[in-house]
């Protein structure tokens, strides 16, 4: 009887340990599910991430009949946005934007840095994109704005033109 009891107890222990054993397929399923969720989150943040529109700088000169070389500014890309001035003076028709921030304090830091270097920097807010645009210079004509942007690209390679049609 003792022998029978020991055998039944032994089989019970073996059965208990074998049923609690984790299966590799269960781990694999959990891993695959976590990877799919991570990929979905990454894809979702990439869709909503505010990435700037990159447009190549094309500055094509042409020569008129007098032999003078002039700049053709018609093909220089300009972005039009509905912005409101938050800090600084009024914006003119064409502005050179050197930074875009979703956090106002970061934008204020760049504005103060530009002002310490002698620029009349302004801060504009685009409510549609929830972005603060840091404007280094602003002009009434496109040619002056393009020239200023070209100079500023030495320090701010992503500088772009904003048309403020108010």
N, C-alpha and C. Protein backbone atom coordinates (compact mmCIF):
# COMPACT_ATOMS: atom_id res chain seq x y z
N UNK A 1 0.82 -1.19 0.00
CA UNK A 1 0.00 0.00 0.00
C UNK A 1 0.86 1.25 0.00
N UNK A 2 1.97 1.16 0.77
CA UNK A 2 2.88 2.30 0.81
C UNK A 2 3.49 2.56 -0.56
N UNK A 3 3.82 1.47 -1.23
CA UNK A 3 4.42 1.60 -2.55
C UNK A 3 3.44 2.27 -3.51
N UNK A 4 2.22 1.89 -3.48
CA UNK A 4 1.19 2.46 -4.33
C UNK A 4 1.00 3.95 -4.05
N UNK A 5 1.01 4.32 -2.78
CA UNK A 5 0.86 5.72 -2.37
C UNK A 5 2.04 6.57 -2.86
N UNK A 6 3.23 6.02 -2.78
CA UNK A 6 4.43 6.75 -3.24
C UNK A 6 4.36 6.92 -4.76
N UNK A 7 3.93 5.91 -5.48
CA UNK A 7 3.85 6.00 -6.94
C UNK A 7 2.79 7.04 -7.33
N UNK A 8 1.65 7.05 -6.69
CA UNK A 8 0.58 8.01 -7.01
C UNK A 8 1.05 9.42 -6.67
N UNK A 9 1.73 9.59 -5.55
CA UNK A 9 2.24 10.91 -5.16
C UNK A 9 3.29 11.38 -6.16
N UNK A 10 4.16 10.46 -6.58
CA UNK A 10 5.19 10.81 -7.58
C UNK A 10 4.58 11.23 -8.90
N UNK A 11 3.56 10.51 -9.34
CA UNK A 11 2.89 10.86 -10.59
C UNK A 11 2.17 12.21 -10.46
N UNK A 12 1.60 12.45 -9.29
CA UNK A 12 0.95 13.74 -9.05
C UNK A 12 1.93 14.90 -9.12
N UNK A 13 3.11 14.71 -8.56
CA UNK A 13 4.16 15.75 -8.60
C UNK A 13 4.62 15.97 -10.03
N UNK A 14 4.89 14.90 -10.75
CA UNK A 14 5.32 15.02 -12.15
C UNK A 14 4.25 15.73 -12.97
N UNK A 15 3.01 15.35 -12.77
CA UNK A 15 1.91 15.98 -13.49
C UNK A 15 1.79 17.46 -13.14
N UNK A 16 1.97 17.81 -11.89
CA UNK A 16 1.89 19.20 -11.45
C UNK A 16 2.99 20.05 -12.08
N UNK A 17 4.20 19.52 -12.07
CA UNK A 17 5.31 20.29 -12.64
C UNK A 17 5.24 20.38 -14.16
N UNK A 18 4.76 19.35 -14.80
CA UNK A 18 4.69 19.39 -16.26
C UNK A 18 3.58 20.31 -16.75
N UNK A 19 2.51 20.44 -16.00
CA UNK A 19 1.43 21.32 -16.43
C UNK A 19 1.76 22.78 -16.19
N UNK A 20 2.63 23.10 -15.28
CA UNK A 20 3.01 24.49 -15.00
C UNK A 20 4.13 24.97 -15.90
N UNK A 21 4.69 24.08 -16.67
CA UNK A 21 5.80 24.44 -17.52
C UNK A 21 5.32 25.42 -18.59
N UNK A 22 6.05 26.54 -18.73
CA UNK A 22 5.68 27.54 -19.73
C UNK A 22 6.03 27.05 -21.12
N UNK A 23 5.18 27.36 -22.01
CA UNK A 23 5.40 26.97 -23.39
C UNK A 23 6.11 28.09 -24.14
N UNK A 24 7.01 27.72 -25.01
CA UNK A 24 7.73 28.72 -25.79
C UNK A 24 6.77 29.48 -26.71
N UNK A 25 5.75 28.80 -27.17
CA UNK A 25 4.80 29.46 -28.05
C UNK A 25 4.04 30.57 -27.33
N UNK A 26 3.78 30.41 -26.05
CA UNK A 26 3.11 31.47 -25.29
C UNK A 26 4.00 32.70 -25.20
N UNK A 27 5.28 32.49 -24.96
CA UNK A 27 6.22 33.62 -24.93
C UNK A 27 6.30 34.29 -26.30
N UNK A 28 6.33 33.48 -27.33
CA UNK A 28 6.43 34.01 -28.70
C UNK A 28 5.20 34.84 -29.05
N UNK A 29 4.03 34.38 -28.66
CA UNK A 29 2.81 35.13 -28.93
C UNK A 29 2.82 36.47 -28.20
N UNK A 30 3.24 36.48 -26.94
CA UNK A 30 3.30 37.73 -26.18
C UNK A 30 4.32 38.68 -26.80
N UNK A 31 5.46 38.15 -27.23
CA UNK A 31 6.49 38.97 -27.87
C UNK A 31 5.98 39.58 -29.17
N UNK A 32 5.34 38.77 -30.00
CA UNK A 32 4.81 39.27 -31.27
C UNK A 32 3.75 40.34 -31.05
N UNK A 33 2.90 40.14 -30.05
CA UNK A 33 1.86 41.12 -29.74
C UNK A 33 2.47 42.44 -29.29
N UNK A 34 3.49 42.38 -28.44
CA UNK A 34 4.16 43.59 -27.97
C UNK A 34 4.85 44.31 -29.12
N UNK A 35 5.48 43.59 -30.01
CA UNK A 35 6.14 44.20 -31.18
C UNK A 35 5.13 44.88 -32.09
N UNK A 36 3.97 44.26 -32.28
CA UNK A 36 2.93 44.84 -33.13
C UNK A 36 2.41 46.13 -32.51
N UNK A 37 2.22 46.13 -31.18
CA UNK A 37 1.77 47.35 -30.51
C UNK A 37 2.82 48.45 -30.62
N UNK A 38 4.08 48.09 -30.46
CA UNK A 38 5.17 49.07 -30.56
C UNK A 38 5.24 49.66 -31.96
N UNK A 39 5.08 48.82 -32.96
CA UNK A 39 5.11 49.30 -34.35
C UNK A 39 3.92 50.22 -34.63
N UNK A 40 2.75 49.89 -34.08
CA UNK A 40 1.58 50.74 -34.29
C UNK A 40 1.76 52.09 -33.63
N UNK A 41 2.35 52.11 -32.44
CA UNK A 41 2.58 53.38 -31.74
C UNK A 41 3.60 54.21 -32.50
N UNK A 42 4.67 53.60 -32.96
CA UNK A 42 5.69 54.31 -33.73
C UNK A 42 5.11 54.89 -35.00
N UNK A 43 4.30 54.10 -35.70
CA UNK A 43 3.68 54.58 -36.94
C UNK A 43 2.72 55.73 -36.65
N UNK A 44 1.96 55.62 -35.56
CA UNK A 44 1.01 56.67 -35.20
C UNK A 44 1.72 57.96 -34.85
N UNK A 45 2.82 57.89 -34.13
CA UNK A 45 3.55 59.13 -33.78
C UNK A 45 4.21 59.73 -35.00
N UNK A 46 4.64 58.90 -35.95
CA UNK A 46 5.23 59.44 -37.17
C UNK A 46 4.21 60.17 -38.01
N UNK A 47 2.96 59.71 -37.97
CA UNK A 47 1.90 60.37 -38.74
C UNK A 47 1.61 61.74 -38.18
N UNK A 48 1.58 61.86 -36.85
CA UNK A 48 1.20 63.11 -36.22
C UNK A 48 2.39 64.00 -35.90
N UNK A 49 3.59 63.52 -36.15
CA UNK A 49 4.77 64.32 -35.85
C UNK A 49 4.84 65.47 -36.84
N UNK A 50 5.14 66.64 -36.33
CA UNK A 50 5.18 67.83 -37.16
C UNK A 50 6.55 67.92 -37.82
N UNK A 51 6.66 67.36 -39.00
CA UNK A 51 7.91 67.41 -39.71
C UNK A 51 7.85 68.55 -40.71
N UNK A 52 8.91 69.31 -40.79
CA UNK A 52 8.90 70.43 -41.71
C UNK A 52 8.92 69.95 -43.16
N UNK A 53 8.33 70.73 -44.00
CA UNK A 53 8.37 70.44 -45.41
C UNK A 53 9.73 70.88 -45.94
N UNK A 54 10.47 69.95 -46.48
CA UNK A 54 11.80 70.27 -46.98
C UNK A 54 11.69 70.58 -48.46
N UNK A 55 12.10 71.79 -48.81
CA UNK A 55 12.10 72.18 -50.21
C UNK A 55 13.52 72.60 -50.56
N UNK A 56 14.00 72.15 -51.69
CA UNK A 56 15.38 72.47 -52.04
C UNK A 56 15.52 73.95 -52.37
N UNK A 57 16.68 74.49 -52.04
CA UNK A 57 16.97 75.87 -52.34
C UNK A 57 17.44 75.94 -53.79
N UNK A 58 16.68 76.64 -54.62
CA UNK A 58 17.01 76.78 -56.03
C UNK A 58 17.16 78.26 -56.31
N UNK A 59 18.35 78.66 -56.64
CA UNK A 59 18.62 80.06 -56.92
C UNK A 59 19.21 80.14 -58.33
N UNK A 60 18.36 80.31 -59.33
CA UNK A 60 18.83 80.29 -60.71
C UNK A 60 19.00 81.72 -61.23
N UNK A 61 20.22 82.11 -61.48
CA UNK A 61 20.43 83.44 -62.04
C UNK A 61 20.13 83.45 -63.54
N UNK A 62 19.77 84.60 -64.05
CA UNK A 62 19.61 84.74 -65.48
C UNK A 62 20.27 86.06 -65.90
N UNK A 63 20.65 86.15 -67.13
CA UNK A 63 21.34 87.33 -67.64
C UNK A 63 20.41 88.04 -68.61
N UNK A 64 20.17 89.31 -68.33
CA UNK A 64 19.31 90.07 -69.23
C UNK A 64 20.15 90.61 -70.39
N UNK A 65 19.55 91.41 -71.27
CA UNK A 65 20.23 91.91 -72.46
C UNK A 65 21.40 92.83 -72.15
N UNK A 66 21.41 93.49 -71.00
CA UNK A 66 22.49 94.41 -70.67
C UNK A 66 23.74 93.69 -70.17
N UNK A 67 23.68 92.38 -69.99
CA UNK A 67 24.83 91.63 -69.53
C UNK A 67 24.93 91.59 -68.01
N UNK A 68 24.06 92.27 -67.31
CA UNK A 68 24.06 92.26 -65.86
C UNK A 68 23.42 90.96 -65.37
N UNK A 69 24.05 90.35 -64.39
CA UNK A 69 23.48 89.12 -63.84
C UNK A 69 22.52 89.50 -62.72
N UNK A 70 21.29 88.97 -62.82
CA UNK A 70 20.28 89.26 -61.82
C UNK A 70 19.78 87.95 -61.22
N UNK A 71 19.20 88.04 -60.06
CA UNK A 71 18.68 86.86 -59.39
C UNK A 71 17.20 86.69 -59.72
N UNK A 72 16.80 85.47 -59.96
CA UNK A 72 15.40 85.15 -60.21
C UNK A 72 14.83 84.55 -58.93
N UNK A 73 14.01 85.33 -58.23
CA UNK A 73 13.46 84.89 -56.95
C UNK A 73 12.06 84.30 -57.07
N UNK A 74 11.54 84.20 -58.29
CA UNK A 74 10.20 83.68 -58.47
C UNK A 74 10.08 82.21 -58.10
N UNK A 75 11.15 81.44 -58.29
CA UNK A 75 11.07 80.01 -58.04
C UNK A 75 11.50 79.62 -56.63
N UNK A 76 11.80 80.58 -55.77
CA UNK A 76 12.17 80.28 -54.39
C UNK A 76 10.90 79.94 -53.61
N UNK A 77 10.87 78.78 -52.96
CA UNK A 77 9.65 78.35 -52.27
C UNK A 77 9.35 79.22 -51.04
N UNK A 78 8.09 79.52 -50.88
CA UNK A 78 7.61 80.31 -49.74
C UNK A 78 6.41 79.57 -49.16
N UNK A 79 6.40 79.43 -47.84
CA UNK A 79 5.28 78.76 -47.16
C UNK A 79 4.35 79.82 -46.60
N UNK A 80 3.07 79.64 -46.80
CA UNK A 80 2.07 80.58 -46.28
C UNK A 80 1.34 79.91 -45.13
N UNK A 81 1.34 80.57 -43.97
CA UNK A 81 0.66 80.05 -42.80
C UNK A 81 -0.11 81.17 -42.12
N UNK A 82 -1.15 80.80 -41.43
CA UNK A 82 -1.91 81.77 -40.65
C UNK A 82 -1.30 81.81 -39.26
N UNK A 83 -0.54 82.86 -38.97
CA UNK A 83 0.14 82.99 -37.69
C UNK A 83 -0.30 84.28 -37.01
N UNK A 84 -0.14 84.32 -35.71
CA UNK A 84 -0.38 85.54 -34.95
C UNK A 84 0.90 85.88 -34.19
N UNK A 85 1.26 87.15 -34.17
CA UNK A 85 2.50 87.58 -33.52
C UNK A 85 2.29 87.52 -32.01
N UNK A 86 3.20 86.82 -31.34
CA UNK A 86 3.13 86.66 -29.89
C UNK A 86 4.11 87.60 -29.21
N UNK A 87 5.30 87.73 -29.79
CA UNK A 87 6.31 88.60 -29.20
C UNK A 87 7.10 89.31 -30.27
N UNK A 88 7.32 90.60 -30.09
CA UNK A 88 8.07 91.38 -31.05
C UNK A 88 7.17 92.29 -31.85
N UNK A 89 7.75 92.91 -32.86
CA UNK A 89 7.00 93.84 -33.71
C UNK A 89 6.13 93.10 -34.71
N UNK A 90 5.52 93.87 -35.59
CA UNK A 90 4.63 93.30 -36.60
C UNK A 90 5.43 92.63 -37.70
N UNK A 91 4.86 91.60 -38.28
CA UNK A 91 5.50 90.91 -39.40
C UNK A 91 5.17 91.63 -40.70
N UNK A 92 6.17 91.68 -41.57
CA UNK A 92 5.95 92.22 -42.91
C UNK A 92 5.56 91.05 -43.82
N UNK A 93 5.50 91.29 -45.11
CA UNK A 93 4.99 90.28 -46.04
C UNK A 93 5.84 89.00 -46.05
N UNK A 94 7.16 89.11 -46.06
CA UNK A 94 8.05 87.96 -46.15
C UNK A 94 8.94 87.91 -44.91
N UNK A 95 8.97 86.77 -44.26
CA UNK A 95 9.76 86.60 -43.05
C UNK A 95 10.64 85.37 -43.17
N UNK A 96 11.79 85.41 -42.51
CA UNK A 96 12.70 84.28 -42.49
C UNK A 96 12.53 83.57 -41.15
N UNK A 97 12.04 82.34 -41.19
CA UNK A 97 11.83 81.53 -39.99
C UNK A 97 13.05 80.64 -39.79
N UNK A 98 13.64 80.73 -38.60
CA UNK A 98 14.85 79.95 -38.32
C UNK A 98 14.60 78.83 -37.31
N UNK A 99 13.42 78.80 -36.71
CA UNK A 99 13.14 77.74 -35.75
C UNK A 99 11.65 77.58 -35.53
N UNK A 100 11.22 76.33 -35.27
CA UNK A 100 9.83 76.02 -34.97
C UNK A 100 9.80 75.14 -33.73
N UNK A 101 8.98 75.53 -32.76
CA UNK A 101 8.95 74.82 -31.49
C UNK A 101 7.51 74.61 -31.05
N UNK A 102 7.27 73.49 -30.39
CA UNK A 102 5.96 73.26 -29.81
C UNK A 102 5.90 73.78 -28.38
N UNK A 103 7.05 74.03 -27.77
CA UNK A 103 7.13 74.56 -26.41
C UNK A 103 7.56 76.02 -26.49
N UNK A 104 6.75 76.90 -25.92
CA UNK A 104 6.99 78.35 -26.03
C UNK A 104 8.31 78.77 -25.39
N UNK A 105 8.68 78.17 -24.27
CA UNK A 105 9.92 78.57 -23.60
C UNK A 105 11.15 78.28 -24.47
N UNK A 106 11.10 77.21 -25.25
CA UNK A 106 12.21 76.92 -26.17
C UNK A 106 12.29 77.98 -27.26
N UNK A 107 11.15 78.39 -27.77
CA UNK A 107 11.12 79.43 -28.79
C UNK A 107 11.61 80.76 -28.22
N UNK A 108 11.19 81.08 -26.98
CA UNK A 108 11.65 82.32 -26.33
C UNK A 108 13.17 82.33 -26.17
N UNK A 109 13.76 81.19 -25.90
CA UNK A 109 15.21 81.09 -25.77
C UNK A 109 15.92 81.45 -27.06
N UNK A 110 15.41 80.96 -28.18
CA UNK A 110 16.02 81.28 -29.48
C UNK A 110 15.80 82.74 -29.83
N UNK A 111 14.63 83.28 -29.51
CA UNK A 111 14.37 84.70 -29.78
C UNK A 111 15.36 85.57 -29.00
N UNK A 112 15.57 85.26 -27.73
CA UNK A 112 16.50 86.08 -26.95
C UNK A 112 17.94 85.93 -27.46
N UNK A 113 18.29 84.73 -27.92
CA UNK A 113 19.63 84.53 -28.50
C UNK A 113 19.81 85.36 -29.76
N UNK A 114 18.78 85.40 -30.61
CA UNK A 114 18.85 86.19 -31.84
C UNK A 114 18.91 87.69 -31.53
N UNK A 115 18.12 88.11 -30.57
CA UNK A 115 18.13 89.54 -30.20
C UNK A 115 19.48 89.96 -29.63
N UNK A 116 20.13 89.07 -28.90
CA UNK A 116 21.46 89.41 -28.36
C UNK A 116 22.49 89.53 -29.46
N UNK A 117 22.22 88.94 -30.60
CA UNK A 117 23.12 89.04 -31.76
C UNK A 117 22.75 90.17 -32.70
N UNK A 118 21.75 90.96 -32.33
CA UNK A 118 21.40 92.14 -33.12
C UNK A 118 20.23 91.97 -34.06
N UNK A 119 19.60 90.83 -34.09
CA UNK A 119 18.44 90.63 -34.96
C UNK A 119 17.18 91.15 -34.27
N UNK A 120 16.25 91.65 -35.06
CA UNK A 120 14.96 92.09 -34.53
C UNK A 120 14.00 90.90 -34.62
N UNK A 121 14.25 89.90 -33.78
CA UNK A 121 13.51 88.63 -33.84
C UNK A 121 12.11 88.79 -33.27
N UNK A 122 11.17 88.06 -33.89
CA UNK A 122 9.79 88.02 -33.44
C UNK A 122 9.38 86.58 -33.20
N UNK A 123 8.32 86.43 -32.44
CA UNK A 123 7.78 85.11 -32.17
C UNK A 123 6.34 85.09 -32.69
N UNK A 124 6.04 84.13 -33.55
CA UNK A 124 4.70 83.99 -34.13
C UNK A 124 4.16 82.61 -33.75
N UNK A 125 2.85 82.52 -33.62
CA UNK A 125 2.21 81.26 -33.21
C UNK A 125 1.26 80.80 -34.31
N UNK A 126 1.41 79.56 -34.72
CA UNK A 126 0.53 78.93 -35.69
C UNK A 126 -0.41 78.01 -34.91
N UNK A 127 -1.64 78.44 -34.71
CA UNK A 127 -2.58 77.68 -33.88
C UNK A 127 -3.03 76.39 -34.57
N UNK A 128 -3.04 76.35 -35.89
CA UNK A 128 -3.46 75.15 -36.60
C UNK A 128 -2.49 73.99 -36.37
N UNK A 129 -1.20 74.30 -36.27
CA UNK A 129 -0.18 73.27 -36.06
C UNK A 129 0.32 73.25 -34.62
N UNK A 130 -0.14 74.19 -33.80
CA UNK A 130 0.30 74.32 -32.41
C UNK A 130 1.83 74.45 -32.35
N UNK A 131 2.37 75.35 -33.17
CA UNK A 131 3.81 75.55 -33.26
C UNK A 131 4.14 77.04 -33.14
N UNK A 132 5.24 77.31 -32.45
CA UNK A 132 5.75 78.67 -32.34
C UNK A 132 6.86 78.82 -33.38
N UNK A 133 6.73 79.84 -34.23
CA UNK A 133 7.71 80.10 -35.28
C UNK A 133 8.60 81.26 -34.84
N UNK A 134 9.91 81.04 -34.89
CA UNK A 134 10.86 82.09 -34.53
C UNK A 134 11.30 82.77 -35.82
N UNK A 135 10.97 84.05 -35.94
CA UNK A 135 11.27 84.84 -37.13
C UNK A 135 12.50 85.70 -36.84
N UNK A 136 13.55 85.52 -37.64
CA UNK A 136 14.78 86.28 -37.43
C UNK A 136 14.70 87.65 -38.09
N UNK A 137 14.22 87.69 -39.32
CA UNK A 137 14.10 88.95 -40.06
C UNK A 137 12.80 88.95 -40.84
N UNK A 138 12.32 90.14 -41.16
CA UNK A 138 11.08 90.27 -41.92
C UNK A 138 11.20 91.44 -42.89
N UNK A 139 10.68 91.26 -44.11
CA UNK A 139 10.84 92.24 -45.18
C UNK A 139 9.53 92.40 -45.95
N UNK A 140 9.43 93.51 -46.66
CA UNK A 140 8.28 93.74 -47.53
C UNK A 140 8.45 93.09 -48.89
N UNK A 141 9.70 92.87 -49.33
CA UNK A 141 9.92 92.28 -50.65
C UNK A 141 10.61 90.93 -50.53
N UNK A 142 10.31 90.08 -51.47
CA UNK A 142 10.80 88.70 -51.45
C UNK A 142 12.31 88.63 -51.67
N UNK A 143 12.85 89.49 -52.52
CA UNK A 143 14.28 89.44 -52.82
C UNK A 143 15.12 89.66 -51.57
N UNK A 144 14.75 90.64 -50.75
CA UNK A 144 15.51 90.90 -49.52
C UNK A 144 15.38 89.74 -48.55
N UNK A 145 14.20 89.15 -48.48
CA UNK A 145 14.00 88.01 -47.59
C UNK A 145 14.83 86.81 -48.03
N UNK A 146 14.91 86.57 -49.34
CA UNK A 146 15.70 85.45 -49.85
C UNK A 146 17.17 85.68 -49.54
N UNK A 147 17.66 86.88 -49.73
CA UNK A 147 19.06 87.18 -49.42
C UNK A 147 19.36 86.99 -47.94
N UNK A 148 18.45 87.43 -47.09
CA UNK A 148 18.63 87.25 -45.65
C UNK A 148 18.60 85.77 -45.28
N UNK A 149 17.69 85.03 -45.87
CA UNK A 149 17.61 83.60 -45.59
C UNK A 149 18.88 82.88 -46.00
N UNK A 150 19.44 83.28 -47.14
CA UNK A 150 20.68 82.68 -47.61
C UNK A 150 21.81 82.92 -46.61
N UNK A 151 21.89 84.12 -46.07
CA UNK A 151 22.91 84.42 -45.06
C UNK A 151 22.67 83.65 -43.77
N UNK A 152 21.42 83.56 -43.35
CA UNK A 152 21.10 82.87 -42.10
C UNK A 152 21.27 81.36 -42.19
N UNK A 153 21.24 80.82 -43.39
CA UNK A 153 21.41 79.37 -43.54
C UNK A 153 22.80 78.90 -43.14
N UNK A 154 23.75 79.81 -43.04
CA UNK A 154 25.07 79.43 -42.54
C UNK A 154 24.97 78.91 -41.11
N UNK A 155 24.14 79.55 -40.31
CA UNK A 155 23.97 79.15 -38.91
C UNK A 155 22.70 78.31 -38.70
N UNK A 156 21.68 78.57 -39.49
CA UNK A 156 20.41 77.85 -39.37
C UNK A 156 20.10 77.20 -40.72
N UNK A 157 20.61 76.00 -40.98
CA UNK A 157 20.47 75.38 -42.31
C UNK A 157 19.03 75.12 -42.73
N UNK A 158 18.11 75.04 -41.78
CA UNK A 158 16.71 74.75 -42.13
C UNK A 158 15.86 76.01 -42.23
N UNK A 159 16.48 77.18 -42.33
CA UNK A 159 15.72 78.44 -42.43
C UNK A 159 14.84 78.41 -43.68
N UNK A 160 13.64 78.96 -43.53
CA UNK A 160 12.68 78.98 -44.65
C UNK A 160 11.91 80.28 -44.65
N UNK A 161 11.22 80.55 -45.78
CA UNK A 161 10.48 81.79 -45.93
C UNK A 161 9.01 81.58 -45.61
N UNK A 162 8.46 82.56 -44.88
CA UNK A 162 7.06 82.57 -44.53
C UNK A 162 6.41 83.79 -45.15
N UNK A 163 5.30 83.56 -45.87
CA UNK A 163 4.55 84.67 -46.43
C UNK A 163 3.40 84.96 -45.47
N UNK A 164 3.36 86.20 -45.01
CA UNK A 164 2.32 86.64 -44.07
C UNK A 164 1.49 87.67 -44.80
N UNK A 165 0.40 87.24 -45.39
CA UNK A 165 -0.39 88.11 -46.26
C UNK A 165 -1.48 88.90 -45.55
N UNK A 166 -1.16 89.59 -44.48
CA UNK A 166 -2.18 90.40 -43.81
C UNK A 166 -1.96 91.85 -44.07
